[in-house]
């Protein structure tokens, strides 16, 4: 018996500011840098790649390259994307 499954696209679940913040918080909690880059790629696609590129001052092509799986973007690039997404990162002391 063969079942046809629909492809899953995380972007479809990132349809509100609350969903985006919750997803990003979970990824940051896990502490996996590759997953953070992947998550920023999903969030950027959900918010509009062209819009985020314009707000971050990065070219669209550069943004795609920086957020593709396996990429190793510089921290300043990640910081620009986070700012362009309108996200505020805060620090909290571990218990």
N, C-alpha and C. Protein backbone atom coordinates (compact mmCIF):
# COMPACT_ATOMS: atom_id res chain seq x y z
N UNK A 1 0.84 -1.18 0.00
CA UNK A 1 0.00 0.00 0.00
C UNK A 1 0.89 1.25 0.00
N UNK A 2 0.67 2.11 -0.95
CA UNK A 2 1.43 3.33 -1.08
C UNK A 2 0.53 4.52 -0.81
N UNK A 3 1.04 5.44 0.03
CA UNK A 3 0.29 6.66 0.31
C UNK A 3 1.02 7.84 -0.29
N UNK A 4 0.26 8.74 -0.85
CA UNK A 4 0.84 9.98 -1.36
C UNK A 4 0.71 11.05 -0.29
N UNK A 5 1.85 11.52 0.15
CA UNK A 5 1.87 12.56 1.17
C UNK A 5 2.13 13.91 0.53
N UNK A 6 1.51 14.91 1.09
CA UNK A 6 1.74 16.27 0.61
C UNK A 6 3.07 16.76 1.16
N UNK A 7 3.81 17.50 0.36
CA UNK A 7 5.07 18.04 0.87
C UNK A 7 4.80 19.06 1.99
N UNK A 8 5.66 19.03 3.00
CA UNK A 8 5.52 19.95 4.13
C UNK A 8 6.37 21.18 3.88
N UNK A 9 5.79 22.35 4.09
CA UNK A 9 6.52 23.61 3.96
C UNK A 9 6.30 24.42 5.23
N UNK A 10 7.35 24.55 6.01
CA UNK A 10 7.28 25.26 7.29
C UNK A 10 6.74 26.67 7.13
N UNK A 11 6.99 27.28 5.99
CA UNK A 11 6.58 28.66 5.73
C UNK A 11 5.07 28.83 5.91
N UNK A 12 4.29 27.80 5.57
CA UNK A 12 2.83 27.92 5.67
C UNK A 12 2.35 28.07 7.11
N UNK A 13 3.16 27.62 8.07
CA UNK A 13 2.78 27.75 9.48
C UNK A 13 3.20 29.08 10.09
N UNK A 14 4.05 29.81 9.40
CA UNK A 14 4.57 31.08 9.92
C UNK A 14 3.72 32.24 9.40
N UNK A 15 2.46 32.23 9.79
CA UNK A 15 1.49 33.17 9.24
C UNK A 15 1.11 34.32 10.18
N UNK A 16 1.83 34.42 11.31
CA UNK A 16 1.57 35.52 12.24
C UNK A 16 2.85 35.85 13.00
N UNK A 17 2.88 37.04 13.57
CA UNK A 17 4.04 37.43 14.38
C UNK A 17 4.23 36.48 15.56
N UNK A 18 3.12 36.04 16.14
CA UNK A 18 3.20 35.13 17.28
C UNK A 18 3.82 33.79 16.87
N UNK A 19 3.40 33.26 15.73
CA UNK A 19 3.94 31.98 15.25
C UNK A 19 5.43 32.11 14.94
N UNK A 20 5.81 33.21 14.34
CA UNK A 20 7.22 33.44 14.01
C UNK A 20 8.06 33.54 15.29
N UNK A 21 7.59 34.30 16.26
CA UNK A 21 8.34 34.46 17.51
C UNK A 21 8.44 33.15 18.28
N UNK A 22 7.37 32.39 18.33
CA UNK A 22 7.39 31.11 19.03
C UNK A 22 8.36 30.14 18.35
N UNK A 23 8.31 30.08 17.04
CA UNK A 23 9.21 29.19 16.29
C UNK A 23 10.67 29.59 16.51
N UNK A 24 10.96 30.87 16.37
CA UNK A 24 12.33 31.34 16.55
C UNK A 24 12.81 31.12 17.98
N UNK A 25 11.95 31.31 18.95
CA UNK A 25 12.31 31.07 20.36
C UNK A 25 12.68 29.61 20.58
N UNK A 26 11.92 28.71 19.99
CA UNK A 26 12.21 27.28 20.14
C UNK A 26 13.55 26.92 19.50
N UNK A 27 13.80 27.48 18.33
CA UNK A 27 15.07 27.21 17.64
C UNK A 27 16.24 27.74 18.45
N UNK A 28 16.11 28.94 18.99
CA UNK A 28 17.18 29.52 19.81
C UNK A 28 17.39 28.71 21.09
N UNK A 29 16.32 28.21 21.66
CA UNK A 29 16.41 27.39 22.87
C UNK A 29 17.22 26.12 22.60
N UNK A 30 17.06 25.54 21.43
CA UNK A 30 17.79 24.32 21.07
C UNK A 30 19.28 24.58 20.87
N UNK A 31 19.64 25.79 20.44
CA UNK A 31 21.05 26.17 20.32
C UNK A 31 21.79 25.59 19.13
N UNK A 32 21.10 25.21 18.09
CA UNK A 32 21.74 24.64 16.90
C UNK A 32 21.87 25.74 15.84
N UNK A 33 23.11 26.11 15.51
CA UNK A 33 23.32 27.23 14.58
C UNK A 33 22.81 26.90 13.17
N UNK A 34 22.95 25.67 12.73
CA UNK A 34 22.42 25.31 11.40
C UNK A 34 20.91 25.43 11.36
N UNK A 35 20.26 25.03 12.44
CA UNK A 35 18.80 25.14 12.51
C UNK A 35 18.37 26.61 12.57
N UNK A 36 19.17 27.45 13.23
CA UNK A 36 18.86 28.89 13.27
C UNK A 36 18.89 29.47 11.86
N UNK A 37 19.89 29.13 11.09
CA UNK A 37 19.99 29.64 9.71
C UNK A 37 18.81 29.14 8.88
N UNK A 38 18.47 27.87 9.05
CA UNK A 38 17.33 27.30 8.32
C UNK A 38 16.04 28.02 8.72
N UNK A 39 15.87 28.25 10.03
CA UNK A 39 14.67 28.93 10.52
C UNK A 39 14.58 30.35 9.98
N UNK A 40 15.70 31.05 9.97
CA UNK A 40 15.68 32.42 9.42
C UNK A 40 15.33 32.40 7.94
N UNK A 41 15.75 31.38 7.24
CA UNK A 41 15.36 31.23 5.83
C UNK A 41 13.86 31.06 5.68
N UNK A 42 13.26 30.20 6.50
CA UNK A 42 11.81 30.00 6.46
C UNK A 42 11.08 31.30 6.81
N UNK A 43 11.52 31.95 7.87
CA UNK A 43 10.86 33.18 8.31
C UNK A 43 11.00 34.26 7.25
N UNK A 44 12.17 34.36 6.65
CA UNK A 44 12.39 35.36 5.60
C UNK A 44 11.48 35.09 4.41
N UNK A 45 11.33 33.83 4.03
CA UNK A 45 10.41 33.50 2.94
C UNK A 45 8.97 33.86 3.32
N UNK A 46 8.59 33.59 4.57
CA UNK A 46 7.23 33.90 5.02
C UNK A 46 6.96 35.40 5.01
N UNK A 47 7.98 36.19 5.31
CA UNK A 47 7.83 37.66 5.36
C UNK A 47 8.06 38.32 4.00
N UNK A 48 8.59 37.58 3.05
CA UNK A 48 8.88 38.12 1.73
C UNK A 48 10.36 38.40 1.56
N UNK A 49 11.00 37.58 0.77
CA UNK A 49 12.45 37.67 0.59
C UNK A 49 12.86 39.06 0.10
N UNK A 50 12.13 39.61 -0.86
CA UNK A 50 12.48 40.92 -1.41
C UNK A 50 12.35 42.02 -0.35
N UNK A 51 11.30 41.93 0.48
CA UNK A 51 11.11 42.94 1.54
C UNK A 51 12.23 42.88 2.56
N UNK A 52 12.60 41.68 2.98
CA UNK A 52 13.65 41.53 3.97
C UNK A 52 14.99 41.96 3.38
N UNK A 53 15.23 41.63 2.13
CA UNK A 53 16.48 42.05 1.47
C UNK A 53 16.59 43.57 1.46
N UNK A 54 15.51 44.22 1.11
CA UNK A 54 15.52 45.69 1.06
C UNK A 54 15.74 46.30 2.45
N UNK A 55 15.04 45.79 3.46
CA UNK A 55 15.17 46.33 4.82
C UNK A 55 16.53 46.04 5.43
N UNK A 56 17.14 44.94 5.02
CA UNK A 56 18.44 44.58 5.60
C UNK A 56 19.62 45.22 4.89
N UNK A 57 19.35 45.73 3.68
CA UNK A 57 20.44 46.31 2.89
C UNK A 57 21.26 45.26 2.15
N UNK A 58 20.75 44.03 2.13
CA UNK A 58 21.42 42.94 1.42
C UNK A 58 20.72 42.71 0.09
N UNK A 59 21.46 42.25 -0.88
CA UNK A 59 20.85 41.88 -2.15
C UNK A 59 20.06 40.59 -1.99
N UNK A 60 19.03 40.43 -2.80
CA UNK A 60 18.20 39.22 -2.71
C UNK A 60 19.02 37.96 -2.92
N UNK A 61 19.90 37.98 -3.92
CA UNK A 61 20.75 36.82 -4.21
C UNK A 61 21.63 36.50 -3.00
N UNK A 62 22.21 37.53 -2.40
CA UNK A 62 23.06 37.35 -1.23
C UNK A 62 22.27 36.75 -0.07
N UNK A 63 21.06 37.21 0.08
CA UNK A 63 20.21 36.71 1.15
C UNK A 63 19.88 35.23 0.94
N UNK A 64 19.53 34.86 -0.27
CA UNK A 64 19.28 33.45 -0.58
C UNK A 64 20.51 32.60 -0.26
N UNK A 65 21.67 33.06 -0.68
CA UNK A 65 22.91 32.31 -0.44
C UNK A 65 23.22 32.20 1.05
N UNK A 66 23.02 33.27 1.79
CA UNK A 66 23.34 33.28 3.21
C UNK A 66 22.43 32.36 4.02
N UNK A 67 21.20 32.16 3.55
CA UNK A 67 20.23 31.39 4.33
C UNK A 67 19.96 30.00 3.77
N UNK A 68 20.72 29.60 2.77
CA UNK A 68 20.50 28.26 2.22
C UNK A 68 21.10 27.21 3.15
N UNK A 69 20.57 25.99 3.12
CA UNK A 69 21.12 24.92 3.97
C UNK A 69 22.61 24.73 3.73
N UNK A 70 23.35 24.63 4.82
CA UNK A 70 24.79 24.43 4.74
C UNK A 70 25.60 25.71 4.66
N UNK A 71 24.93 26.85 4.53
CA UNK A 71 25.64 28.13 4.44
C UNK A 71 26.26 28.47 5.80
N UNK A 72 27.31 29.23 5.75
CA UNK A 72 27.98 29.71 6.96
C UNK A 72 28.08 31.23 6.90
N UNK A 73 26.93 31.92 7.05
CA UNK A 73 26.94 33.38 6.95
C UNK A 73 27.66 34.03 8.12
N UNK A 74 28.14 35.21 7.88
CA UNK A 74 28.78 35.99 8.95
C UNK A 74 27.72 36.44 9.95
N UNK A 75 28.16 36.69 11.17
CA UNK A 75 27.22 37.11 12.20
C UNK A 75 26.55 38.43 11.83
N UNK A 76 27.28 39.35 11.24
CA UNK A 76 26.66 40.64 10.89
C UNK A 76 25.54 40.45 9.87
N UNK A 77 25.66 39.47 9.00
CA UNK A 77 24.58 39.18 8.04
C UNK A 77 23.36 38.66 8.79
N UNK A 78 23.56 37.73 9.70
CA UNK A 78 22.46 37.20 10.50
C UNK A 78 21.81 38.31 11.31
N UNK A 79 22.62 39.16 11.89
CA UNK A 79 22.09 40.27 12.69
C UNK A 79 21.25 41.22 11.82
N UNK A 80 21.70 41.52 10.61
CA UNK A 80 20.94 42.37 9.70
C UNK A 80 19.59 41.75 9.36
N UNK A 81 19.59 40.43 9.12
CA UNK A 81 18.34 39.73 8.80
C UNK A 81 17.39 39.78 9.98
N UNK A 82 17.91 39.51 11.17
CA UNK A 82 17.07 39.53 12.37
C UNK A 82 16.46 40.91 12.57
N UNK A 83 17.26 41.94 12.40
CA UNK A 83 16.74 43.32 12.52
C UNK A 83 15.70 43.61 11.45
N UNK A 84 15.96 43.18 10.22
CA UNK A 84 15.03 43.43 9.11
C UNK A 84 13.70 42.71 9.33
N UNK A 85 13.74 41.59 10.04
CA UNK A 85 12.52 40.86 10.36
C UNK A 85 11.73 41.51 11.49
N UNK A 86 12.34 42.50 12.14
CA UNK A 86 11.66 43.17 13.24
C UNK A 86 11.67 42.36 14.52
N UNK A 87 12.69 41.51 14.66
CA UNK A 87 12.81 40.65 15.83
C UNK A 87 13.82 41.25 16.80
N UNK A 88 13.51 41.18 18.07
CA UNK A 88 14.42 41.65 19.11
C UNK A 88 14.88 40.44 19.90
N UNK A 89 16.19 40.23 19.93
CA UNK A 89 16.75 39.15 20.72
C UNK A 89 17.14 39.70 22.08
N UNK A 90 16.85 38.93 23.13
CA UNK A 90 17.22 39.34 24.47
C UNK A 90 18.02 38.22 25.13
N UNK A 91 18.80 38.58 26.11
CA UNK A 91 19.61 37.60 26.85
C UNK A 91 18.98 37.36 28.21
N UNK A 92 19.12 36.12 28.65
CA UNK A 92 18.61 35.73 29.95
C UNK A 92 19.63 34.79 30.57
N UNK A 93 19.94 35.03 31.83
CA UNK A 93 20.93 34.17 32.51
C UNK A 93 20.35 32.78 32.72
N UNK A 94 21.18 31.77 32.43
CA UNK A 94 20.74 30.39 32.63
C UNK A 94 20.67 30.09 34.12
N UNK A 95 19.72 29.31 34.49
CA UNK A 95 19.56 28.95 35.91
C UNK A 95 20.55 27.89 36.33
